[in-house]
Amino acid sequence: MTVSRTINGHPYVADETARRVHEAIRRLGYRPNHAARILTGQLSKSIGLIVPDLADTFFSVVSHAVQEAAREAGYLVWLAASNGDPSIEEAQVEQMANHPVDGILLVPADSRARYLKAAALRSTPIVTIDRPIEVAQTDSVEVENRAGARMAVEHLLSHGYKRIACVVMNSHLQPVRERIVGYEECLKSTKLSRIKKVMLSSEVSAPKALSALFDSPDRPDALFTANNACTITVIKILKAMKIKVPRDVALIGFDDVDFYTLLNPPLTTVRQPATELGRASARLLLKRIRGESSSSIAKTVLPVTLVIRESCGCKNRR
């Protein structure tokens, strides 16, 4: 009991006793048995993190920030990628909860997946990142998706563009749906431009959809792309179609990554605070684990910023 109290920083251990215990630990090479700690009801000092895709720059930055925040608090992170598949994700949540970890950070592949309702009722706390669960109540950290979309469209309108199309991939995702609403709200409020949405089901079908868009009588003079996957796909197709940005069509994307500054022209984007998303979600989960949060559900919404470069028609913003 004295050794346990010393290791865990219990206040009722005399300084000389603590010194002798630490000396014995050093001499014997003692390491605490974490499995035994869990069996006695103590915390495992580990959390789980499940993201859709580790190769995605946005989720890589979020994951790094989570790991740093957890490390600073003395926690280990078990990291898994669901590949955007709810069935894989469900199995990963089950495995982590039974491991057990003390809590789970989750970017849901589908915020409406039925299994999430039962998962949210478990004793293992869950905090969602970027995509709040829609079928249950959990703590969440997200960004101002609607406001960010309005910011982008308002900037395009300030250039005098009147035929602004919203191009979308992964429209089932809750943040993307919010960005579509923000785009629609902005155009409805100005009454200067017709709403034009192009839903891309896949990268394979995208060239045909964009060709039809640019061959139509009301060919757009500006595009707002609602996420990174869509932005990259659109850039590739516009290049293949020999449509110049911003000479032939202006472009603003949602999400910002480092290589966008290397494009010609550099891309104007709505930037999400990916690092703060990771850190804030980890801090929120750790507070819940330690019992430092109120019983009510906590929702954190972080601001986004418009990073102006040249694809929107602005000059010399590098």
C-alpha atoms as a PDB file:
ATOM      1  CA  MET A   1       0.000   0.000   0.000  1.00  0.00           C
ATOM      2  CA  THR A   2       2.875   2.362   0.786  1.00  0.00           C
ATOM      3  CA  VAL A   3       4.450   1.724  -2.619  1.00  0.00           C
ATOM      4  CA  SER A   4       1.109   2.340  -4.356  1.00  0.00           C
ATOM      5  CA  ARG A   5       0.579   5.568  -2.424  1.00  0.00           C
ATOM      6  CA  THR A   6       4.081   6.776  -3.268  1.00  0.00           C
ATOM      7  CA  ILE A   7       3.719   6.067  -6.997  1.00  0.00           C
ATOM      8  CA  ASN A   8       0.327   7.799  -7.141  1.00  0.00           C
ATOM      9  CA  GLY A   9       1.456  10.895  -5.229  1.00  0.00           C
ATOM     10  CA  HIS A  10      -0.654  10.279  -2.125  1.00  0.00           C
ATOM     11  CA  PRO A  11      -0.176  13.131   0.390  1.00  0.00           C
ATOM     12  CA  TYR A  12       0.096  10.829   3.443  1.00  0.00           C
ATOM     13  CA  VAL A  13       3.555   9.454   2.663  1.00  0.00           C
ATOM     14  CA  ALA A  14       6.486  10.836   4.631  1.00  0.00           C
ATOM     15  CA  ASP A  15       9.315  12.341   2.572  1.00  0.00           C
ATOM     16  CA  GLU A  16      11.878   9.870   3.905  1.00  0.00           C
ATOM     17  CA  THR A  17       9.556   6.908   3.199  1.00  0.00           C
ATOM     18  CA  ALA A  18       8.950   8.168  -0.354  1.00  0.00           C
ATOM     19  CA  ARG A  19      12.699   8.548  -0.880  1.00  0.00           C
ATOM     20  CA  ARG A  20      13.316   4.954   0.213  1.00  0.00           C
ATOM     21  CA  VAL A  21      10.491   3.636  -2.021  1.00  0.00           C
ATOM     22  CA  HIS A  22      11.822   5.484  -5.090  1.00  0.00           C
ATOM     23  CA  GLU A  23      15.320   4.196  -4.370  1.00  0.00           C
ATOM     24  CA  ALA A  24      13.997   0.613  -4.200  1.00  0.00           C
ATOM     25  CA  ILE A  25      12.054   1.135  -7.450  1.00  0.00           C
ATOM     26  CA  ARG A  26      15.227   2.377  -9.153  1.00  0.00           C
ATOM     27  CA  ARG A  27      17.386  -0.443  -7.785  1.00  0.00           C
ATOM     28  CA  LEU A  28      14.903  -3.231  -8.605  1.00  0.00           C
ATOM     29  CA  GLY A  29      13.779  -1.821 -12.001  1.00  0.00           C
ATOM     30  CA  TYR A  30      10.153  -2.021 -10.837  1.00  0.00           C
ATOM     31  CA  ARG A  31       7.385  -1.137 -13.313  1.00  0.00           C
ATOM     32  CA  PRO A  32       3.665  -0.854 -12.352  1.00  0.00           C
ATOM     33  CA  ASN A  33       1.441  -3.607 -13.788  1.00  0.00           C
ATOM     34  CA  HIS A  34      -1.248  -1.702 -15.692  1.00  0.00           C
ATOM     35  CA  ALA A  35      -3.395  -4.791 -16.182  1.00  0.00           C
ATOM     36  CA  ALA A  36      -3.490  -5.252 -12.419  1.00  0.00           C
ATOM     37  CA  ARG A  37      -4.340  -1.564 -11.971  1.00  0.00           C
ATOM     38  CA  ILE A  38      -7.359  -1.969 -14.247  1.00  0.00           C
ATOM     39  CA  LEU A  39      -8.539  -5.087 -12.385  1.00  0.00           C
ATOM     40  CA  THR A  40      -8.521  -3.091  -9.145  1.00  0.00           C
ATOM     41  CA  GLY A  41     -10.718  -0.418 -10.724  1.00  0.00           C
ATOM     42  CA  GLN A  42      -7.998   2.140 -11.426  1.00  0.00           C
ATOM     43  CA  LEU A  43      -7.711   4.095 -14.674  1.00  0.00           C
ATOM     44  CA  SER A  44      -5.777   2.552 -17.550  1.00  0.00           C
ATOM     45  CA  LYS A  45      -4.258   5.986 -18.369  1.00  0.00           C
ATOM     46  CA  SER A  46      -5.044   5.401 -22.048  1.00  0.00           C
ATOM     47  CA  ILE A  47      -7.643   6.754 -24.479  1.00  0.00           C
ATOM     48  CA  GLY A  48      -8.795   5.612 -27.899  1.00  0.00           C
ATOM     49  CA  LEU A  49      -8.885   7.736 -31.053  1.00  0.00           C
ATOM     50  CA  ILE A  50     -10.767   6.585 -34.172  1.00  0.00           C
ATOM     51  CA  VAL A  51     -10.569   8.650 -37.373  1.00  0.00           C
ATOM     52  CA  PRO A  52     -11.798   7.823 -40.899  1.00  0.00           C
ATOM     53  CA  ASP A  53      -8.461   8.151 -42.719  1.00  0.00           C
ATOM     54  CA  LEU A  54      -4.933   8.614 -41.377  1.00  0.00           C
ATOM     55  CA  ALA A  55      -3.662   9.613 -44.836  1.00  0.00           C
ATOM     56  CA  ASP A  56      -5.956  12.658 -44.829  1.00  0.00           C
ATOM     57  CA  THR A  57      -3.872  15.686 -43.820  1.00  0.00           C
ATOM     58  CA  PHE A  58      -6.660  17.145 -41.687  1.00  0.00           C
ATOM     59  CA  PHE A  59      -7.036  13.993 -39.579  1.00  0.00           C
ATOM     60  CA  SER A  60      -3.250  13.582 -39.335  1.00  0.00           C
ATOM     61  CA  VAL A  61      -2.983  17.049 -37.763  1.00  0.00           C
ATOM     62  CA  VAL A  62      -5.919  16.328 -35.424  1.00  0.00           C
ATOM     63  CA  SER A  63      -4.369  12.982 -34.385  1.00  0.00           C
ATOM     64  CA  HIS A  64      -0.988  14.561 -33.667  1.00  0.00           C
ATOM     65  CA  ALA A  65      -2.617  17.240 -31.509  1.00  0.00           C
ATOM     66  CA  VAL A  66      -4.611  14.620 -29.565  1.00  0.00           C
ATOM     67  CA  GLN A  67      -1.463  12.600 -28.924  1.00  0.00           C
ATOM     68  CA  GLU A  68       0.447  15.657 -27.678  1.00  0.00           C
ATOM     69  CA  ALA A  69      -2.349  16.720 -25.324  1.00  0.00           C
ATOM     70  CA  ALA A  70      -2.705  13.160 -24.002  1.00  0.00           C
ATOM     71  CA  ARG A  71       1.043  12.750 -23.542  1.00  0.00           C
ATOM     72  CA  GLU A  72       1.227  15.972 -21.526  1.00  0.00           C
ATOM     73  CA  ALA A  73      -1.464  14.538 -19.236  1.00  0.00           C
ATOM     74  CA  GLY A  74       0.365  11.200 -18.882  1.00  0.00           C
ATOM     75  CA  TYR A  75      -1.982   9.260 -21.184  1.00  0.00           C
ATOM     76  CA  LEU A  76      -1.300   6.861 -24.038  1.00  0.00           C
ATOM     77  CA  VAL A  77      -3.389   7.048 -27.244  1.00  0.00           C
ATOM     78  CA  TRP A  78      -4.627   3.927 -29.057  1.00  0.00           C
ATOM     79  CA  LEU A  79      -5.132   5.032 -32.653  1.00  0.00           C
ATOM     80  CA  ALA A  80      -7.328   3.347 -35.295  1.00  0.00           C
ATOM     81  CA  ALA A  81      -8.666   4.251 -38.759  1.00  0.00           C
ATOM     82  CA  SER A  82     -12.174   3.184 -39.765  1.00  0.00           C
ATOM     83  CA  ASN A  83     -11.678   3.779 -43.518  1.00  0.00           C
ATOM     84  CA  GLY A  84     -15.007   5.608 -43.375  1.00  0.00           C
ATOM     85  CA  ASP A  85     -16.832   2.294 -42.772  1.00  0.00           C
ATOM     86  CA  PRO A  86     -19.364   2.328 -39.878  1.00  0.00           C
ATOM     87  CA  SER A  87     -19.126  -1.455 -39.426  1.00  0.00           C
ATOM     88  CA  ILE A  88     -15.337  -1.296 -38.982  1.00  0.00           C
ATOM     89  CA  GLU A  89     -15.764   1.668 -36.671  1.00  0.00           C
ATOM     90  CA  GLU A  90     -18.343  -0.203 -34.559  1.00  0.00           C
ATOM     91  CA  ALA A  91     -15.917  -3.100 -34.076  1.00  0.00           C
ATOM     92  CA  GLN A  92     -13.127  -0.687 -33.121  1.00  0.00           C
ATOM     93  CA  VAL A  93     -15.305   1.066 -30.538  1.00  0.00           C
ATOM     94  CA  GLU A  94     -16.259  -2.342 -29.103  1.00  0.00           C
ATOM     95  CA  GLN A  95     -12.627  -3.465 -28.883  1.00  0.00           C
ATOM     96  CA  MET A  96     -11.487  -0.242 -27.266  1.00  0.00           C
ATOM     97  CA  ALA A  97     -14.324  -0.250 -24.740  1.00  0.00           C
ATOM     98  CA  ASN A  98     -13.443  -3.832 -23.781  1.00  0.00           C
ATOM     99  CA  HIS A  99      -9.673  -3.244 -23.713  1.00  0.00           C
ATOM    100  CA  PRO A 100     -10.508  -1.098 -21.757  1.00  0.00           C
ATOM    101  CA  VAL A 101      -9.498   2.485 -22.462  1.00  0.00           C
ATOM    102  CA  ASP A 102     -10.689   5.244 -20.134  1.00  0.00           C
ATOM    103  CA  GLY A 103     -12.472   7.120 -22.951  1.00  0.00           C
ATOM    104  CA  ILE A 104     -12.812   7.335 -26.725  1.00  0.00           C
ATOM    105  CA  LEU A 105     -12.362  10.212 -29.165  1.00  0.00           C
ATOM    106  CA  LEU A 106     -14.346   9.532 -32.319  1.00  0.00           C
ATOM    107  CA  VAL A 107     -14.771  11.058 -35.778  1.00  0.00           C
ATOM    108  CA  PRO A 108     -17.893   9.149 -36.861  1.00  0.00           C
ATOM    109  CA  ALA A 109     -17.971   7.713 -40.374  1.00  0.00           C
ATOM    110  CA  ASP A 110     -21.736   8.241 -40.266  1.00  0.00           C
ATOM    111  CA  SER A 111     -23.202  10.417 -37.509  1.00  0.00           C
ATOM    112  CA  ARG A 112     -26.544   8.617 -37.919  1.00  0.00           C
ATOM    113  CA  ALA A 113     -25.200   5.045 -37.569  1.00  0.00           C
ATOM    114  CA  ARG A 114     -27.530   3.023 -35.332  1.00  0.00           C
ATOM    115  CA  TYR A 115     -24.775   1.486 -33.210  1.00  0.00           C
ATOM    116  CA  LEU A 116     -23.819   4.951 -31.898  1.00  0.00           C
ATOM    117  CA  LYS A 117     -26.966   5.132 -29.780  1.00  0.00           C
ATOM    118  CA  ALA A 118     -25.877   2.103 -27.719  1.00  0.00           C
ATOM    119  CA  ALA A 119     -22.222   3.186 -27.709  1.00  0.00           C
ATOM    120  CA  ALA A 120     -23.153   6.545 -26.186  1.00  0.00           C
ATOM    121  CA  LEU A 121     -24.868   4.767 -23.258  1.00  0.00           C
ATOM    122  CA  ARG A 122     -21.744   2.794 -22.278  1.00  0.00           C
ATOM    123  CA  SER A 123     -19.770   3.680 -19.181  1.00  0.00           C
ATOM    124  CA  THR A 124     -16.792   4.547 -21.416  1.00  0.00           C
ATOM    125  CA  PRO A 125     -17.178   8.265 -22.241  1.00  0.00           C
ATOM    126  CA  ILE A 126     -17.129   9.334 -25.896  1.00  0.00           C
ATOM    127  CA  VAL A 127     -16.231  12.750 -27.285  1.00  0.00           C
ATOM    128  CA  THR A 128     -16.788  13.335 -30.996  1.00  0.00           C
ATOM    129  CA  ILE A 129     -14.490  15.462 -33.152  1.00  0.00           C
ATOM    130  CA  ASP A 130     -15.733  17.442 -36.172  1.00  0.00           C
ATOM    131  CA  ARG A 131     -18.930  15.377 -36.575  1.00  0.00           C
ATOM    132  CA  PRO A 132     -21.375  15.284 -33.646  1.00  0.00           C
ATOM    133  CA  ILE A 133     -23.496  12.166 -33.240  1.00  0.00           C
ATOM    134  CA  GLU A 134     -27.059  12.788 -34.439  1.00  0.00           C
ATOM    135  CA  VAL A 135     -28.772   9.765 -32.849  1.00  0.00           C
ATOM    136  CA  ALA A 136     -27.480  10.247 -29.287  1.00  0.00           C
ATOM    137  CA  GLN A 137     -26.063  12.809 -26.874  1.00  0.00           C
ATOM    138  CA  THR A 138     -22.292  12.961 -26.287  1.00  0.00           C
ATOM    139  CA  ASP A 139     -19.723  15.664 -25.704  1.00  0.00           C
ATOM    140  CA  SER A 140     -18.488  17.143 -28.994  1.00  0.00           C
ATOM    141  CA  VAL A 141     -15.987  19.562 -30.500  1.00  0.00           C
ATOM    142  CA  GLU A 142     -16.741  21.006 -33.934  1.00  0.00           C
ATOM    143  CA  VAL A 143     -16.299  24.177 -35.992  1.00  0.00           C
ATOM    144  CA  GLU A 144     -18.520  26.931 -37.395  1.00  0.00           C
ATOM    145  CA  ASN A 145     -19.344  25.153 -40.636  1.00  0.00           C
ATOM    146  CA  ARG A 146     -22.278  27.347 -41.672  1.00  0.00           C
ATOM    147  CA  ALA A 147     -20.456  30.564 -40.825  1.00  0.00           C
ATOM    148  CA  GLY A 148     -17.382  29.400 -42.747  1.00  0.00           C
ATOM    149  CA  ALA A 149     -19.425  28.669 -45.875  1.00  0.00           C
ATOM    150  CA  ARG A 150     -21.132  32.064 -45.653  1.00  0.00           C
ATOM    151  CA  MET A 151     -17.712  33.687 -45.269  1.00  0.00           C
ATOM    152  CA  ALA A 152     -16.493  32.036 -48.478  1.00  0.00           C
ATOM    153  CA  VAL A 153     -19.579  32.885 -50.538  1.00  0.00           C
ATOM    154  CA  GLU A 154     -19.692  36.480 -49.264  1.00  0.00           C
ATOM    155  CA  HIS A 155     -16.101  36.918 -50.400  1.00  0.00           C
ATOM    156  CA  LEU A 156     -16.951  35.627 -53.877  1.00  0.00           C
ATOM    157  CA  LEU A 157     -19.943  37.974 -54.025  1.00  0.00           C
ATOM    158  CA  SER A 158     -17.682  40.885 -53.074  1.00  0.00           C
ATOM    159  CA  HIS A 159     -15.740  40.206 -56.290  1.00  0.00           C
ATOM    160  CA  GLY A 160     -18.966  40.622 -58.259  1.00  0.00           C
ATOM    161  CA  TYR A 161     -19.485  36.944 -59.106  1.00  0.00           C
ATOM    162  CA  LYS A 162     -23.161  36.157 -59.633  1.00  0.00           C
ATOM    163  CA  ARG A 163     -23.230  32.496 -60.714  1.00  0.00           C
ATOM    164  CA  ILE A 164     -21.672  30.734 -57.753  1.00  0.00           C
ATOM    165  CA  ALA A 165     -22.001  26.944 -57.714  1.00  0.00           C
ATOM    166  CA  CYS A 166     -21.484  24.739 -54.655  1.00  0.00           C
ATOM    167  CA  VAL A 167     -19.680  21.493 -55.516  1.00  0.00           C
ATOM    168  CA  VAL A 168     -19.963  18.702 -52.955  1.00  0.00           C
ATOM    169  CA  MET A 169     -18.587  15.245 -52.214  1.00  0.00           C
ATOM    170  CA  ASN A 170     -19.561  13.155 -49.171  1.00  0.00           C
ATOM    171  CA  SER A 171     -22.818  15.060 -48.759  1.00  0.00           C
ATOM    172  CA  HIS A 172     -23.961  12.547 -46.098  1.00  0.00           C
ATOM    173  CA  LEU A 173     -21.446  13.992 -43.617  1.00  0.00           C
ATOM    174  CA  GLN A 174     -22.978  16.354 -41.077  1.00  0.00           C
ATOM    175  CA  PRO A 175     -20.332  19.141 -41.423  1.00  0.00           C
ATOM    176  CA  VAL A 176     -20.701  19.105 -45.222  1.00  0.00           C
ATOM    177  CA  ARG A 177     -24.483  19.376 -44.922  1.00  0.00           C
ATOM    178  CA  GLU A 178     -24.006  22.391 -42.630  1.00  0.00           C
ATOM    179  CA  ARG A 179     -21.717  24.034 -45.203  1.00  0.00           C
ATOM    180  CA  ILE A 180     -24.317  23.526 -47.926  1.00  0.00           C
ATOM    181  CA  VAL A 181     -26.882  25.244 -45.696  1.00  0.00           C
ATOM    182  CA  GLY A 182     -24.470  28.139 -45.141  1.00  0.00           C
ATOM    183  CA  TYR A 183     -23.985  28.502 -48.914  1.00  0.00           C
ATOM    184  CA  GLU A 184     -27.744  28.491 -49.492  1.00  0.00           C
ATOM    185  CA  GLU A 185     -28.419  30.975 -46.677  1.00  0.00           C
ATOM    186  CA  CYS A 186     -25.893  33.426 -48.071  1.00  0.00           C
ATOM    187  CA  LEU A 187     -27.295  33.393 -51.619  1.00  0.00           C
ATOM    188  CA  LYS A 188     -30.898  33.572 -50.411  1.00  0.00           C
ATOM    189  CA  SER A 189     -30.087  36.658 -48.339  1.00  0.00           C
ATOM    190  CA  THR A 190     -28.497  38.519 -51.261  1.00  0.00           C
ATOM    191  CA  LYS A 191     -30.955  37.467 -54.014  1.00  0.00           C
ATOM    192  CA  LEU A 192     -28.158  38.157 -56.488  1.00  0.00           C
ATOM    193  CA  SER A 193     -27.425  34.604 -57.541  1.00  0.00           C
ATOM    194  CA  ARG A 194     -29.319  31.361 -58.132  1.00  0.00           C
ATOM    195  CA  ILE A 195     -28.489  28.393 -55.943  1.00  0.00           C
ATOM    196  CA  LYS A 196     -26.629  25.756 -57.954  1.00  0.00           C
ATOM    197  CA  LYS A 197     -25.471  22.582 -56.199  1.00  0.00           C
ATOM    198  CA  VAL A 198     -23.461  19.834 -57.876  1.00  0.00           C
ATOM    199  CA  MET A 199     -23.328  16.590 -55.875  1.00  0.00           C
ATOM    200  CA  LEU A 200     -20.383  14.392 -56.876  1.00  0.00           C
ATOM    201  CA  SER A 201     -20.971  10.758 -55.960  1.00  0.00           C
ATOM    202  CA  SER A 202     -17.347   9.783 -56.660  1.00  0.00           C
ATOM    203  CA  GLU A 203     -14.158  10.961 -58.298  1.00  0.00           C
ATOM    204  CA  VAL A 204     -14.942   8.697 -61.274  1.00  0.00           C
ATOM    205  CA  SER A 205     -18.281  10.399 -61.965  1.00  0.00           C
ATOM    206  CA  ALA A 206     -16.967  13.913 -61.308  1.00  0.00           C
ATOM    207  CA  PRO A 207     -15.631  14.753 -64.828  1.00  0.00           C
ATOM    208  CA  LYS A 208     -19.034  14.139 -66.430  1.00  0.00           C
ATOM    209  CA  ALA A 209     -20.834  16.226 -63.794  1.00  0.00           C
ATOM    210  CA  LEU A 210     -18.446  19.156 -64.105  1.00  0.00           C
ATOM    211  CA  SER A 211     -18.480  19.015 -67.908  1.00  0.00           C
ATOM    212  CA  ALA A 212     -22.275  19.306 -67.822  1.00  0.00           C
ATOM    213  CA  LEU A 213     -21.990  22.221 -65.395  1.00  0.00           C
ATOM    214  CA  PHE A 214     -19.602  24.198 -67.598  1.00  0.00           C
ATOM    215  CA  ASP A 215     -21.455  23.356 -70.816  1.00  0.00           C
ATOM    216  CA  SER A 216     -24.739  24.695 -69.403  1.00  0.00           C
ATOM    217  CA  PRO A 217     -26.141  28.140 -70.401  1.00  0.00           C
ATOM    218  CA  ASP A 218     -25.673  29.433 -66.835  1.00  0.00           C
ATOM    219  CA  ARG A 219     -22.047  28.336 -66.617  1.00  0.00           C
ATOM    220  CA  PRO A 220     -20.673  29.339 -63.182  1.00  0.00           C
ATOM    221  CA  ASP A 221     -18.207  32.172 -62.745  1.00  0.00           C
ATOM    222  CA  ALA A 222     -17.210  30.918 -59.260  1.00  0.00           C
ATOM    223  CA  LEU A 223     -17.111  27.647 -57.306  1.00  0.00           C
ATOM    224  CA  PHE A 224     -17.320  26.886 -53.604  1.00  0.00           C
ATOM    225  CA  THR A 225     -16.074  23.368 -52.801  1.00  0.00           C
ATOM    226  CA  ALA A 226     -17.326  22.003 -49.496  1.00  0.00           C
ATOM    227  CA  ASN A 227     -14.396  19.815 -48.362  1.00  0.00           C
ATOM    228  CA  ASN A 228     -10.826  18.794 -49.211  1.00  0.00           C
ATOM    229  CA  ALA A 229     -11.696  15.662 -51.190  1.00  0.00           C
ATOM    230  CA  CYS A 230     -13.997  17.715 -53.384  1.00  0.00           C
ATOM    231  CA  THR A 231     -11.528  20.594 -53.791  1.00  0.00           C
ATOM    232  CA  ILE A 232      -8.691  18.342 -54.941  1.00  0.00           C
ATOM    233  CA  THR A 233     -10.982  16.499 -57.373  1.00  0.00           C
ATOM    234  CA  VAL A 234     -12.275  19.777 -58.843  1.00  0.00           C
ATOM    235  CA  ILE A 235      -8.747  21.179 -59.287  1.00  0.00           C
ATOM    236  CA  LYS A 236      -7.690  18.054 -61.209  1.00  0.00           C
ATOM    237  CA  ILE A 237     -10.746  18.146 -63.485  1.00  0.00           C
ATOM    238  CA  LEU A 238     -10.552  21.886 -64.201  1.00  0.00           C
ATOM    239  CA  LYS A 239      -6.939  21.402 -65.261  1.00  0.00           C
ATOM    240  CA  ALA A 240      -7.907  18.522 -67.576  1.00  0.00           C
ATOM    241  CA  MET A 241     -10.699  20.675 -69.033  1.00  0.00           C
ATOM    242  CA  LYS A 242      -8.203  23.545 -69.542  1.00  0.00           C
ATOM    243  CA  ILE A 243     -10.321  25.867 -67.412  1.00  0.00           C
ATOM    244  CA  LYS A 244      -8.079  28.438 -65.746  1.00  0.00           C
ATOM    245  CA  VAL A 245      -8.499  29.563 -62.136  1.00  0.00           C
ATOM    246  CA  PRO A 246      -9.372  32.374 -61.490  1.00  0.00           C
ATOM    247  CA  ARG A 247      -9.435  33.683 -65.086  1.00  0.00           C
ATOM    248  CA  ASP A 248     -12.267  31.389 -66.193  1.00  0.00           C
ATOM    249  CA  VAL A 249     -13.753  30.520 -62.822  1.00  0.00           C
ATOM    250  CA  ALA A 250     -12.929  31.569 -59.254  1.00  0.00           C
ATOM    251  CA  LEU A 251     -12.517  28.923 -56.556  1.00  0.00           C
ATOM    252  CA  ILE A 252     -12.704  28.820 -52.757  1.00  0.00           C
ATOM    253  CA  GLY A 253     -12.429  25.550 -50.830  1.00  0.00           C
ATOM    254  CA  PHE A 254     -13.365  24.491 -47.285  1.00  0.00           C
ATOM    255  CA  ASP A 255     -10.345  23.074 -45.383  1.00  0.00           C
ATOM    256  CA  ASP A 256      -6.784  24.253 -45.765  1.00  0.00           C
ATOM    257  CA  VAL A 257      -3.618  22.197 -46.205  1.00  0.00           C
ATOM    258  CA  ASP A 258      -0.013  23.303 -46.624  1.00  0.00           C
ATOM    259  CA  PHE A 259       0.380  22.371 -50.292  1.00  0.00           C
ATOM    260  CA  TYR A 260      -2.443  24.727 -51.327  1.00  0.00           C
ATOM    261  CA  THR A 261       0.105  27.543 -51.094  1.00  0.00           C
ATOM    262  CA  LEU A 262       2.202  25.776 -53.756  1.00  0.00           C
ATOM    263  CA  LEU A 263      -0.567  25.639 -56.369  1.00  0.00           C
ATOM    264  CA  ASN A 264      -0.746  28.074 -59.255  1.00  0.00           C
ATOM    265  CA  PRO A 265      -2.676  30.069 -58.279  1.00  0.00           C
ATOM    266  CA  PRO A 266      -2.504  29.489 -54.505  1.00  0.00           C
ATOM    267  CA  LEU A 267      -5.888  28.420 -53.177  1.00  0.00           C
ATOM    268  CA  THR A 268      -8.188  30.610 -51.085  1.00  0.00           C
ATOM    269  CA  THR A 269      -9.757  28.449 -48.366  1.00  0.00           C
ATOM    270  CA  VAL A 270     -11.770  28.365 -45.178  1.00  0.00           C
ATOM    271  CA  ARG A 271      -9.308  27.096 -42.594  1.00  0.00           C
ATOM    272  CA  GLN A 272     -10.396  24.866 -39.732  1.00  0.00           C
ATOM    273  CA  PRO A 273      -8.292  24.992 -36.520  1.00  0.00           C
ATOM    274  CA  ALA A 274      -7.294  21.312 -36.798  1.00  0.00           C
ATOM    275  CA  THR A 275      -4.694  21.449 -34.026  1.00  0.00           C
ATOM    276  CA  GLU A 276      -7.088  23.117 -31.601  1.00  0.00           C
ATOM    277  CA  LEU A 277      -9.813  20.607 -32.548  1.00  0.00           C
ATOM    278  CA  GLY A 278      -7.518  17.794 -31.454  1.00  0.00           C
ATOM    279  CA  ARG A 279      -6.304  19.483 -28.284  1.00  0.00           C
ATOM    280  CA  ALA A 280      -9.742  20.718 -27.219  1.00  0.00           C
ATOM    281  CA  SER A 281     -11.354  17.313 -27.719  1.00  0.00           C
ATOM    282  CA  ALA A 282      -8.595  15.556 -25.762  1.00  0.00           C
ATOM    283  CA  ARG A 283      -8.902  18.060 -22.896  1.00  0.00           C
ATOM    284  CA  LEU A 284     -12.679  17.639 -22.847  1.00  0.00           C
ATOM    285  CA  LEU A 285     -12.419  13.840 -22.721  1.00  0.00           C
ATOM    286  CA  LEU A 286      -9.808  13.920 -19.951  1.00  0.00           C
ATOM    287  CA  LYS A 287     -12.025  16.226 -17.875  1.00  0.00           C
ATOM    288  CA  ARG A 288     -14.920  13.778 -18.338  1.00  0.00           C
ATOM    289  CA  ILE A 289     -12.687  10.834 -17.342  1.00  0.00           C
ATOM    290  CA  ARG A 290     -11.526  12.637 -14.198  1.00  0.00           C
ATOM    291  CA  GLY A 291     -15.073  13.574 -13.246  1.00  0.00           C
ATOM    292  CA  GLU A 292     -14.301  17.286 -13.600  1.00  0.00           C
ATOM    293  CA  SER A 293     -17.151  17.961 -16.078  1.00  0.00           C
ATOM    294  CA  SER A 294     -20.751  18.730 -15.237  1.00  0.00           C
ATOM    295  CA  SER A 295     -23.352  16.045 -15.894  1.00  0.00           C
ATOM    296  CA  SER A 296     -24.741  18.004 -18.861  1.00  0.00           C
ATOM    297  CA  ILE A 297     -23.470  17.443 -22.398  1.00  0.00           C
ATOM    298  CA  ALA A 298     -20.617  19.764 -23.412  1.00  0.00           C
ATOM    299  CA  LYS A 299     -20.495  21.165 -26.929  1.00  0.00           C
ATOM    300  CA  THR A 300     -17.523  23.237 -28.086  1.00  0.00           C
ATOM    301  CA  VAL A 301     -17.709  25.133 -31.387  1.00  0.00           C
ATOM    302  CA  LEU A 302     -14.456  26.635 -32.676  1.00  0.00           C
ATOM    303  CA  PRO A 303     -14.228  29.550 -35.135  1.00  0.00           C
ATOM    304  CA  VAL A 304     -12.885  29.220 -38.695  1.00  0.00           C
ATOM    305  CA  THR A 305     -10.969  31.779 -40.750  1.00  0.00           C
ATOM    306  CA  LEU A 306     -10.917  32.729 -44.423  1.00  0.00           C
ATOM    307  CA  VAL A 307      -7.388  32.464 -45.806  1.00  0.00           C
ATOM    308  CA  ILE A 308      -7.277  34.729 -48.867  1.00  0.00           C
ATOM    309  CA  ARG A 309      -4.831  33.830 -51.602  1.00  0.00           C
ATOM    310  CA  GLU A 310      -5.335  34.143 -55.361  1.00  0.00           C
ATOM    311  CA  SER A 311      -7.800  31.491 -56.630  1.00  0.00           C
ATOM    312  CA  CYS A 312     -10.719  33.765 -55.698  1.00  0.00           C
ATOM    313  CA  GLY A 313      -9.465  36.613 -57.882  1.00  0.00           C
ATOM    314  CA  CYS A 314      -7.446  38.473 -55.238  1.00  0.00           C
ATOM    315  CA  LYS A 315      -3.883  39.385 -56.212  1.00  0.00           C
ATOM    316  CA  ASN A 316      -0.532  39.054 -54.471  1.00  0.00           C
ATOM    317  CA  ARG A 317      -1.826  37.458 -51.264  1.00  0.00           C
ATOM    318  CA  ARG A 318       0.926  34.848 -50.908  1.00  0.00           C
END
